[in-house]
Amino acid sequence: MRIEVLSEHPDVMIEEAERERRRGAVEQQARVESLRGERGQARSEGRWPSWVRLAFAVSRAKREATRQHLASALPTAREQQMLAGRNAERRVADELAAALDGEWVLLRGYCNSRGEIDALLLGPRGLFAIEQKYRSVRVFIRGDEWEAEQVDKYGKTRGARFAIRDKKGRSPSEQVNEPAAALSRWLSTNKRGTPVIPVVLLTHPNARIGSIQHPTVRVERSTRRLLALVERSQYALDAGRRADIERLIRRDHEFHKTKKPL
């Protein structure tokens, strides 16, 4: 299987989080340098009361800079979660590549006007839109309403249930269904109408499915089960049609990436 990266949105998010984590230390060090400059000027002008006050201010600022430097040296829990999710996405890609032949392609990081899809899997048995979630939770699904409860590695519940939604208020099924539907319309407009099969893949090893009622997407817990879904697909795409679809996917992605950068 061929793997093509259209965009590395997880890496961008991780880099932004790291910059944010280090920003406080950088700003505090700049404050130390600014106070030192004021202290030096006060001394050169003989303003001794100001010099004493600024000497204490420099000392306090240096202690705070040291504290923030130490705090910024280690990734936050959010960063660790994002890193684990990014690594899980790459692991899934590797597992798919090991199982599928050269007729398949995995397009990672596709985006359109309705959002981003973690991966599009295109091959002889169809086109699959895959949204991956790396969370140690038990999920309860009713249509497009998703709730979850935290679970430990033994499957024991911790805390109350909560809704799973992105920053736009969308559940995982809506996150993948909306851009998948937009992609389907784009292909149809270009006379290459093809069903886009949406899938939510739970990639955390502790993830569980509590209940599912009236699901709007397929929900799978492993790459093996995803591959079984692909194998059961009744759709058939020949090489020429797949090439056309991939070309249209890339064209659509580039248009929306330029119009609204990730």
C-alpha atoms as a PDB file:
ATOM      1  CA  MET A   1       0.000   0.000   0.000  1.00  0.00           C
ATOM      2  CA  ARG A   2       1.152   3.494  -0.807  1.00  0.00           C
ATOM      3  CA  ILE A   3       0.987   6.158   1.932  1.00  0.00           C
ATOM      4  CA  GLU A   4       0.659   9.798   0.895  1.00  0.00           C
ATOM      5  CA  VAL A   5       0.677  12.672   3.407  1.00  0.00           C
ATOM      6  CA  LEU A   6      -1.510  15.580   2.294  1.00  0.00           C
ATOM      7  CA  SER A   7      -1.033  17.448   5.555  1.00  0.00           C
ATOM      8  CA  GLU A   8       0.415  16.696   8.988  1.00  0.00           C
ATOM      9  CA  HIS A   9      -2.161  18.493  11.103  1.00  0.00           C
ATOM     10  CA  PRO A  10      -1.242  16.554  14.299  1.00  0.00           C
ATOM     11  CA  ASP A  11       2.383  17.660  13.984  1.00  0.00           C
ATOM     12  CA  VAL A  12       1.296  21.281  13.531  1.00  0.00           C
ATOM     13  CA  MET A  13      -0.874  21.078  16.661  1.00  0.00           C
ATOM     14  CA  ILE A  14       1.964  19.526  18.674  1.00  0.00           C
ATOM     15  CA  GLU A  15       4.402  22.227  17.557  1.00  0.00           C
ATOM     16  CA  GLU A  16       1.922  24.964  18.462  1.00  0.00           C
ATOM     17  CA  ALA A  17       1.379  23.432  21.907  1.00  0.00           C
ATOM     18  CA  GLU A  18       5.139  23.233  22.478  1.00  0.00           C
ATOM     19  CA  ARG A  19       5.612  26.875  21.480  1.00  0.00           C
ATOM     20  CA  GLU A  20       2.804  27.872  23.827  1.00  0.00           C
ATOM     21  CA  ARG A  21       4.397  25.881  26.660  1.00  0.00           C
ATOM     22  CA  ARG A  22       7.777  27.588  26.156  1.00  0.00           C
ATOM     23  CA  ARG A  23       6.353  31.051  25.581  1.00  0.00           C
ATOM     24  CA  GLY A  24       6.072  31.901  29.278  1.00  0.00           C
ATOM     25  CA  ALA A  25       9.734  31.064  29.923  1.00  0.00           C
ATOM     26  CA  VAL A  26      10.861  33.122  26.924  1.00  0.00           C
ATOM     27  CA  GLU A  27       8.740  36.105  27.968  1.00  0.00           C
ATOM     28  CA  GLN A  28       9.971  35.891  31.550  1.00  0.00           C
ATOM     29  CA  GLN A  29      13.602  35.829  30.444  1.00  0.00           C
ATOM     30  CA  ALA A  30      12.932  38.893  28.314  1.00  0.00           C
ATOM     31  CA  ARG A  31      11.511  40.582  31.439  1.00  0.00           C
ATOM     32  CA  VAL A  32      14.720  39.756  33.334  1.00  0.00           C
ATOM     33  CA  GLU A  33      16.816  41.397  30.615  1.00  0.00           C
ATOM     34  CA  SER A  34      14.538  44.446  30.557  1.00  0.00           C
ATOM     35  CA  LEU A  35      14.803  44.901  34.342  1.00  0.00           C
ATOM     36  CA  ARG A  36      18.570  44.510  34.180  1.00  0.00           C
ATOM     37  CA  GLY A  37      18.682  47.301  31.627  1.00  0.00           C
ATOM     38  CA  GLU A  38      16.575  49.560  33.848  1.00  0.00           C
ATOM     39  CA  ARG A  39      18.761  48.697  36.838  1.00  0.00           C
ATOM     40  CA  GLY A  40      21.918  49.574  34.919  1.00  0.00           C
ATOM     41  CA  GLN A  41      20.459  52.884  33.803  1.00  0.00           C
ATOM     42  CA  ALA A  42      19.384  53.729  37.354  1.00  0.00           C
ATOM     43  CA  ARG A  43      22.920  53.066  38.568  1.00  0.00           C
ATOM     44  CA  SER A  44      24.533  55.169  35.838  1.00  0.00           C
ATOM     45  CA  GLU A  45      22.207  58.055  36.723  1.00  0.00           C
ATOM     46  CA  GLY A  46      22.792  57.691  40.465  1.00  0.00           C
ATOM     47  CA  ARG A  47      19.168  56.915  41.261  1.00  0.00           C
ATOM     48  CA  TRP A  48      20.041  54.636  44.141  1.00  0.00           C
ATOM     49  CA  PRO A  49      16.556  54.023  45.598  1.00  0.00           C
ATOM     50  CA  SER A  50      15.400  52.963  42.137  1.00  0.00           C
ATOM     51  CA  TRP A  51      18.518  50.841  41.752  1.00  0.00           C
ATOM     52  CA  VAL A  52      17.762  48.975  45.017  1.00  0.00           C
ATOM     53  CA  ARG A  53      14.128  48.441  43.998  1.00  0.00           C
ATOM     54  CA  LEU A  54      15.159  47.163  40.574  1.00  0.00           C
ATOM     55  CA  ALA A  55      17.839  44.892  42.070  1.00  0.00           C
ATOM     56  CA  PHE A  56      15.138  43.107  44.079  1.00  0.00           C
ATOM     57  CA  ALA A  57      12.878  43.024  41.015  1.00  0.00           C
ATOM     58  CA  VAL A  58      15.652  41.399  38.949  1.00  0.00           C
ATOM     59  CA  SER A  59      16.187  38.785  41.648  1.00  0.00           C
ATOM     60  CA  ARG A  60      12.473  37.925  41.763  1.00  0.00           C
ATOM     61  CA  ALA A  61      12.244  37.824  37.968  1.00  0.00           C
ATOM     62  CA  LYS A  62      15.259  35.481  37.753  1.00  0.00           C
ATOM     63  CA  ARG A  63      13.654  33.061  40.221  1.00  0.00           C
ATOM     64  CA  GLU A  64      10.419  33.109  38.232  1.00  0.00           C
ATOM     65  CA  ALA A  65      12.364  32.600  34.976  1.00  0.00           C
ATOM     66  CA  THR A  66      14.090  29.556  36.478  1.00  0.00           C
ATOM     67  CA  ARG A  67      10.747  28.159  37.654  1.00  0.00           C
ATOM     68  CA  GLN A  68       9.128  28.648  34.253  1.00  0.00           C
ATOM     69  CA  HIS A  69      12.149  27.206  32.439  1.00  0.00           C
ATOM     70  CA  LEU A  70      11.935  24.029  34.514  1.00  0.00           C
ATOM     71  CA  ALA A  71       8.161  23.854  33.996  1.00  0.00           C
ATOM     72  CA  SER A  72       8.501  24.317  30.241  1.00  0.00           C
ATOM     73  CA  ALA A  73      11.109  21.585  29.820  1.00  0.00           C
ATOM     74  CA  LEU A  74       8.610  18.713  29.960  1.00  0.00           C
ATOM     75  CA  PRO A  75       5.600  18.149  27.659  1.00  0.00           C
ATOM     76  CA  THR A  76       2.216  18.849  29.210  1.00  0.00           C
ATOM     77  CA  ALA A  77      -0.413  16.141  29.609  1.00  0.00           C
ATOM     78  CA  ARG A  78      -2.204  17.568  26.572  1.00  0.00           C
ATOM     79  CA  GLU A  79       0.962  17.356  24.486  1.00  0.00           C
ATOM     80  CA  GLN A  80       1.552  13.781  25.611  1.00  0.00           C
ATOM     81  CA  GLN A  81      -1.995  12.921  24.586  1.00  0.00           C
ATOM     82  CA  MET A  82      -1.497  14.516  21.167  1.00  0.00           C
ATOM     83  CA  LEU A  83       1.834  12.722  20.692  1.00  0.00           C
ATOM     84  CA  ALA A  84       0.240   9.396  21.575  1.00  0.00           C
ATOM     85  CA  GLY A  85      -2.606  10.059  19.140  1.00  0.00           C
ATOM     86  CA  ARG A  86      -0.177  11.021  16.370  1.00  0.00           C
ATOM     87  CA  ASN A  87       1.852   7.875  16.964  1.00  0.00           C
ATOM     88  CA  ALA A  88      -1.316   5.771  16.931  1.00  0.00           C
ATOM     89  CA  GLU A  89      -2.258   7.226  13.519  1.00  0.00           C
ATOM     90  CA  ARG A  90       1.153   6.305  12.148  1.00  0.00           C
ATOM     91  CA  ARG A  91       0.905   2.826  13.630  1.00  0.00           C
ATOM     92  CA  VAL A  92      -2.464   2.277  11.940  1.00  0.00           C
ATOM     93  CA  ALA A  93      -0.968   3.435   8.627  1.00  0.00           C
ATOM     94  CA  ASP A  94       1.889   0.952   9.011  1.00  0.00           C
ATOM     95  CA  GLU A  95      -0.496  -1.889   9.851  1.00  0.00           C
ATOM     96  CA  LEU A  96      -2.669  -1.126   6.839  1.00  0.00           C
ATOM     97  CA  ALA A  97       0.418  -0.948   4.624  1.00  0.00           C
ATOM     98  CA  ALA A  98       1.510  -4.378   5.835  1.00  0.00           C
ATOM     99  CA  ALA A  99      -1.890  -5.910   5.068  1.00  0.00           C
ATOM    100  CA  LEU A 100      -2.897  -4.270   1.773  1.00  0.00           C
ATOM    101  CA  ASP A 101      -1.212  -4.562  -1.606  1.00  0.00           C
ATOM    102  CA  GLY A 102      -0.007  -1.888  -4.013  1.00  0.00           C
ATOM    103  CA  GLU A 103      -3.479  -1.250  -5.409  1.00  0.00           C
ATOM    104  CA  TRP A 104      -4.352   0.656  -2.246  1.00  0.00           C
ATOM    105  CA  VAL A 105      -3.401   4.188  -1.196  1.00  0.00           C
ATOM    106  CA  LEU A 106      -3.804   5.898   2.177  1.00  0.00           C
ATOM    107  CA  LEU A 107      -4.173   9.680   1.908  1.00  0.00           C
ATOM    108  CA  ARG A 108      -3.508  11.240   5.307  1.00  0.00           C
ATOM    109  CA  GLY A 109      -4.749  14.663   6.399  1.00  0.00           C
ATOM    110  CA  TYR A 110      -7.316  15.446   3.698  1.00  0.00           C
ATOM    111  CA  CYS A 111      -9.375  18.602   4.312  1.00  0.00           C
ATOM    112  CA  ASN A 112     -12.291  20.326   2.632  1.00  0.00           C
ATOM    113  CA  SER A 113     -14.839  23.006   3.480  1.00  0.00           C
ATOM    114  CA  ARG A 114     -16.443  20.818   6.168  1.00  0.00           C
ATOM    115  CA  GLY A 115     -13.306  19.820   8.042  1.00  0.00           C
ATOM    116  CA  GLU A 116     -10.453  17.356   8.051  1.00  0.00           C
ATOM    117  CA  ILE A 117     -10.457  13.582   7.679  1.00  0.00           C
ATOM    118  CA  ASP A 118      -7.563  11.801   9.349  1.00  0.00           C
ATOM    119  CA  ALA A 119      -7.168   9.333   6.488  1.00  0.00           C
ATOM    120  CA  LEU A 120      -8.812   8.328   3.227  1.00  0.00           C
ATOM    121  CA  LEU A 121      -8.270   4.702   2.248  1.00  0.00           C
ATOM    122  CA  LEU A 122      -8.780   4.181  -1.499  1.00  0.00           C
ATOM    123  CA  GLY A 123      -8.557   0.865  -3.285  1.00  0.00           C
ATOM    124  CA  PRO A 124     -10.324  -1.822  -5.319  1.00  0.00           C
ATOM    125  CA  ARG A 125     -13.036  -2.264  -2.651  1.00  0.00           C
ATOM    126  CA  GLY A 126     -13.975   1.369  -2.277  1.00  0.00           C
ATOM    127  CA  LEU A 127     -13.223   4.648  -0.557  1.00  0.00           C
ATOM    128  CA  PHE A 128     -13.166   4.799   3.247  1.00  0.00           C
ATOM    129  CA  ALA A 129     -13.020   7.976   5.366  1.00  0.00           C
ATOM    130  CA  ILE A 130     -11.357   7.227   8.700  1.00  0.00           C
ATOM    131  CA  GLU A 131     -11.575   9.387  11.821  1.00  0.00           C
ATOM    132  CA  GLN A 132      -9.228   8.145  14.555  1.00  0.00           C
ATOM    133  CA  LYS A 133      -9.731   8.714  18.285  1.00  0.00           C
ATOM    134  CA  TYR A 134      -7.038   7.910  20.829  1.00  0.00           C
ATOM    135  CA  ARG A 135      -8.773   8.063  24.195  1.00  0.00           C
ATOM    136  CA  SER A 136      -8.960   5.660  27.113  1.00  0.00           C
ATOM    137  CA  VAL A 137     -12.754   5.686  27.330  1.00  0.00           C
ATOM    138  CA  ARG A 138     -15.880   3.579  27.077  1.00  0.00           C
ATOM    139  CA  VAL A 139     -18.185   5.185  24.514  1.00  0.00           C
ATOM    140  CA  PHE A 140     -21.966   5.237  24.424  1.00  0.00           C
ATOM    141  CA  ILE A 141     -23.391   6.144  21.038  1.00  0.00           C
ATOM    142  CA  ARG A 142     -26.928   7.114  20.071  1.00  0.00           C
ATOM    143  CA  GLY A 143     -27.078   8.414  16.530  1.00  0.00           C
ATOM    144  CA  ASP A 144     -24.715  11.373  16.395  1.00  0.00           C
ATOM    145  CA  GLU A 145     -24.678  11.788  20.167  1.00  0.00           C
ATOM    146  CA  TRP A 146     -21.521  10.430  21.756  1.00  0.00           C
ATOM    147  CA  GLU A 147     -20.880  10.148  25.476  1.00  0.00           C
ATOM    148  CA  ALA A 148     -17.957   8.541  27.229  1.00  0.00           C
ATOM    149  CA  GLU A 149     -16.544   7.657  30.602  1.00  0.00           C
ATOM    150  CA  GLN A 150     -12.875   7.377  31.446  1.00  0.00           C
ATOM    151  CA  VAL A 151     -11.593   3.842  32.014  1.00  0.00           C
ATOM    152  CA  ASP A 152      -8.276   2.545  33.338  1.00  0.00           C
ATOM    153  CA  LYS A 153      -6.264  -0.306  31.838  1.00  0.00           C
ATOM    154  CA  TYR A 154      -8.402  -2.796  33.748  1.00  0.00           C
ATOM    155  CA  GLY A 155     -11.611  -1.432  32.248  1.00  0.00           C
ATOM    156  CA  LYS A 156     -12.755   0.207  35.503  1.00  0.00           C
ATOM    157  CA  THR A 157     -14.697   3.452  35.222  1.00  0.00           C
ATOM    158  CA  ARG A 158     -13.329   6.742  36.571  1.00  0.00           C
ATOM    159  CA  GLY A 159     -15.584   9.769  36.892  1.00  0.00           C
ATOM    160  CA  ALA A 160     -18.903  10.705  35.339  1.00  0.00           C
ATOM    161  CA  ARG A 161     -19.945  10.501  31.703  1.00  0.00           C
ATOM    162  CA  PHE A 162     -19.185  13.411  29.432  1.00  0.00           C
ATOM    163  CA  ALA A 163     -19.974  14.375  25.846  1.00  0.00           C
ATOM    164  CA  ILE A 164     -17.319  13.830  23.177  1.00  0.00           C
ATOM    165  CA  ARG A 165     -17.265  16.869  20.920  1.00  0.00           C
ATOM    166  CA  ASP A 166     -14.698  18.891  19.013  1.00  0.00           C
ATOM    167  CA  LYS A 167     -14.265  22.679  19.200  1.00  0.00           C
ATOM    168  CA  LYS A 168     -17.192  23.097  16.792  1.00  0.00           C
ATOM    169  CA  GLY A 169     -19.460  20.993  18.979  1.00  0.00           C
ATOM    170  CA  ARG A 170     -19.427  17.981  16.663  1.00  0.00           C
ATOM    171  CA  SER A 171     -19.344  14.370  17.798  1.00  0.00           C
ATOM    172  CA  PRO A 172     -16.819  11.980  16.193  1.00  0.00           C
ATOM    173  CA  SER A 173     -19.446  10.695  13.774  1.00  0.00           C
ATOM    174  CA  GLU A 174     -20.300  14.252  12.677  1.00  0.00           C
ATOM    175  CA  GLN A 175     -16.592  15.069  12.386  1.00  0.00           C
ATOM    176  CA  VAL A 176     -16.156  12.394   9.727  1.00  0.00           C
ATOM    177  CA  ASN A 177     -19.640  12.402   8.174  1.00  0.00           C
ATOM    178  CA  GLU A 178     -19.659  16.096   7.285  1.00  0.00           C
ATOM    179  CA  PRO A 179     -16.393  16.231   5.307  1.00  0.00           C
ATOM    180  CA  ALA A 180     -17.086  12.759   3.868  1.00  0.00           C
ATOM    181  CA  ALA A 181     -20.448  13.971   2.536  1.00  0.00           C
ATOM    182  CA  ALA A 182     -18.766  17.061   1.055  1.00  0.00           C
ATOM    183  CA  LEU A 183     -16.180  14.843  -0.629  1.00  0.00           C
ATOM    184  CA  SER A 184     -18.927  12.630  -2.046  1.00  0.00           C
ATOM    185  CA  ARG A 185     -20.658  15.690  -3.510  1.00  0.00           C
ATOM    186  CA  TRP A 186     -17.366  16.891  -5.020  1.00  0.00           C
ATOM    187  CA  LEU A 187     -16.776  13.536  -6.709  1.00  0.00           C
ATOM    188  CA  SER A 188     -20.341  13.470  -8.032  1.00  0.00           C
ATOM    189  CA  THR A 189     -20.004  17.012  -9.404  1.00  0.00           C
ATOM    190  CA  ASN A 190     -16.962  15.808 -11.341  1.00  0.00           C
ATOM    191  CA  LYS A 191     -18.800  12.728 -12.645  1.00  0.00           C
ATOM    192  CA  ARG A 192     -16.880  10.327 -10.431  1.00  0.00           C
ATOM    193  CA  GLY A 193     -19.624   9.687  -7.915  1.00  0.00           C
ATOM    194  CA  THR A 194     -18.399   7.128  -5.406  1.00  0.00           C
ATOM    195  CA  PRO A 195     -19.781   6.104  -2.008  1.00  0.00           C
ATOM    196  CA  VAL A 196     -17.537   7.347   0.782  1.00  0.00           C
ATOM    197  CA  ILE A 197     -17.734   4.928   3.714  1.00  0.00           C
ATOM    198  CA  PRO A 198     -17.186   6.777   7.029  1.00  0.00           C
ATOM    199  CA  VAL A 199     -15.506   4.941   9.901  1.00  0.00           C
ATOM    200  CA  VAL A 200     -14.525   5.993  13.413  1.00  0.00           C
ATOM    201  CA  LEU A 201     -11.531   3.979  14.589  1.00  0.00           C
ATOM    202  CA  LEU A 202     -10.872   3.834  18.346  1.00  0.00           C
ATOM    203  CA  THR A 203      -7.100   3.434  18.544  1.00  0.00           C
ATOM    204  CA  HIS A 204      -6.417   3.462  22.294  1.00  0.00           C
ATOM    205  CA  PRO A 205      -5.824  -0.080  23.614  1.00  0.00           C
ATOM    206  CA  ASN A 206      -8.153   0.567  26.566  1.00  0.00           C
ATOM    207  CA  ALA A 207     -11.026   1.960  24.466  1.00  0.00           C
ATOM    208  CA  ARG A 208     -14.331   0.157  24.842  1.00  0.00           C
ATOM    209  CA  ILE A 209     -17.770   0.371  23.259  1.00  0.00           C
ATOM    210  CA  GLY A 210     -20.472   0.511  25.911  1.00  0.00           C
ATOM    211  CA  SER A 211     -23.509   0.666  23.643  1.00  0.00           C
ATOM    212  CA  ILE A 212     -24.487   1.695  20.135  1.00  0.00           C
ATOM    213  CA  GLN A 213     -27.967   2.730  19.035  1.00  0.00           C
ATOM    214  CA  HIS A 214     -28.804   3.937  15.530  1.00  0.00           C
ATOM    215  CA  PRO A 215     -25.166   4.626  14.549  1.00  0.00           C
ATOM    216  CA  THR A 216     -24.467   6.921  11.607  1.00  0.00           C
ATOM    217  CA  VAL A 217     -20.962   5.509  11.044  1.00  0.00           C
ATOM    218  CA  ARG A 218     -19.135   2.253  11.482  1.00  0.00           C
ATOM    219  CA  VAL A 219     -17.170   2.185  14.740  1.00  0.00           C
ATOM    220  CA  GLU A 220     -14.191  -0.179  14.996  1.00  0.00           C
ATOM    221  CA  ARG A 221     -11.671  -0.835  17.765  1.00  0.00           C
ATOM    222  CA  SER A 222      -8.693  -2.183  15.816  1.00  0.00           C
ATOM    223  CA  THR A 223      -6.973  -2.148  12.454  1.00  0.00           C
ATOM    224  CA  ARG A 224      -7.821  -5.831  12.125  1.00  0.00           C
ATOM    225  CA  ARG A 225     -11.547  -5.089  12.363  1.00  0.00           C
ATOM    226  CA  LEU A 226     -11.154  -2.184   9.936  1.00  0.00           C
ATOM    227  CA  LEU A 227      -9.517  -4.538   7.452  1.00  0.00           C
ATOM    228  CA  ALA A 228     -12.379  -7.009   7.907  1.00  0.00           C
ATOM    229  CA  LEU A 229     -14.809  -4.197   7.054  1.00  0.00           C
ATOM    230  CA  VAL A 230     -12.812  -3.402   3.921  1.00  0.00           C
ATOM    231  CA  GLU A 231     -12.782  -7.055   2.925  1.00  0.00           C
ATOM    232  CA  ARG A 232     -16.583  -7.283   3.220  1.00  0.00           C
ATOM    233  CA  SER A 233     -17.149  -4.202   1.054  1.00  0.00           C
ATOM    234  CA  GLN A 234     -19.299  -4.837  -2.020  1.00  0.00           C
ATOM    235  CA  TYR A 235     -17.982  -1.838  -3.946  1.00  0.00           C
ATOM    236  CA  ALA A 236     -15.535  -2.236  -6.824  1.00  0.00           C
ATOM    237  CA  LEU A 237     -13.277   0.435  -8.288  1.00  0.00           C
ATOM    238  CA  ASP A 238     -11.001  -0.254 -11.238  1.00  0.00           C
ATOM    239  CA  ALA A 239      -7.549   1.289 -11.577  1.00  0.00           C
ATOM    240  CA  GLY A 240      -8.654   4.067 -13.924  1.00  0.00           C
ATOM    241  CA  ARG A 241     -11.479   5.213 -11.675  1.00  0.00           C
ATOM    242  CA  ARG A 242      -9.236   5.092  -8.601  1.00  0.00           C
ATOM    243  CA  ALA A 243      -6.670   7.285 -10.357  1.00  0.00           C
ATOM    244  CA  ASP A 244      -9.389   9.819 -11.223  1.00  0.00           C
ATOM    245  CA  ILE A 245     -10.704   9.812  -7.656  1.00  0.00           C
ATOM    246  CA  GLU A 246      -7.241  10.308  -6.164  1.00  0.00           C
ATOM    247  CA  ARG A 247      -6.579  13.194  -8.553  1.00  0.00           C
ATOM    248  CA  LEU A 248      -9.863  14.860  -7.560  1.00  0.00           C
ATOM    249  CA  ILE A 249      -9.162  14.330  -3.852  1.00  0.00           C
ATOM    250  CA  ARG A 250      -5.773  16.007  -4.181  1.00  0.00           C
ATOM    251  CA  ARG A 251      -7.231  18.870  -6.183  1.00  0.00           C
ATOM    252  CA  ASP A 252      -9.973  19.475  -3.633  1.00  0.00           C
ATOM    253  CA  HIS A 253      -7.534  19.288  -0.725  1.00  0.00           C
ATOM    254  CA  GLU A 254      -5.095  21.745  -2.273  1.00  0.00           C
ATOM    255  CA  PHE A 255      -7.901  24.209  -3.000  1.00  0.00           C
ATOM    256  CA  HIS A 256      -9.199  24.180   0.569  1.00  0.00           C
ATOM    257  CA  LYS A 257      -5.738  24.077   2.132  1.00  0.00           C
ATOM    258  CA  THR A 258      -4.814  27.238   0.227  1.00  0.00           C
ATOM    259  CA  LYS A 259      -8.140  28.892   0.942  1.00  0.00           C
ATOM    260  CA  LYS A 260      -8.110  28.090   4.652  1.00  0.00           C
ATOM    261  CA  PRO A 261      -4.724  26.878   5.943  1.00  0.00           C
ATOM    262  CA  LEU A 262      -4.752  24.239   8.635  1.00  0.00           C
END
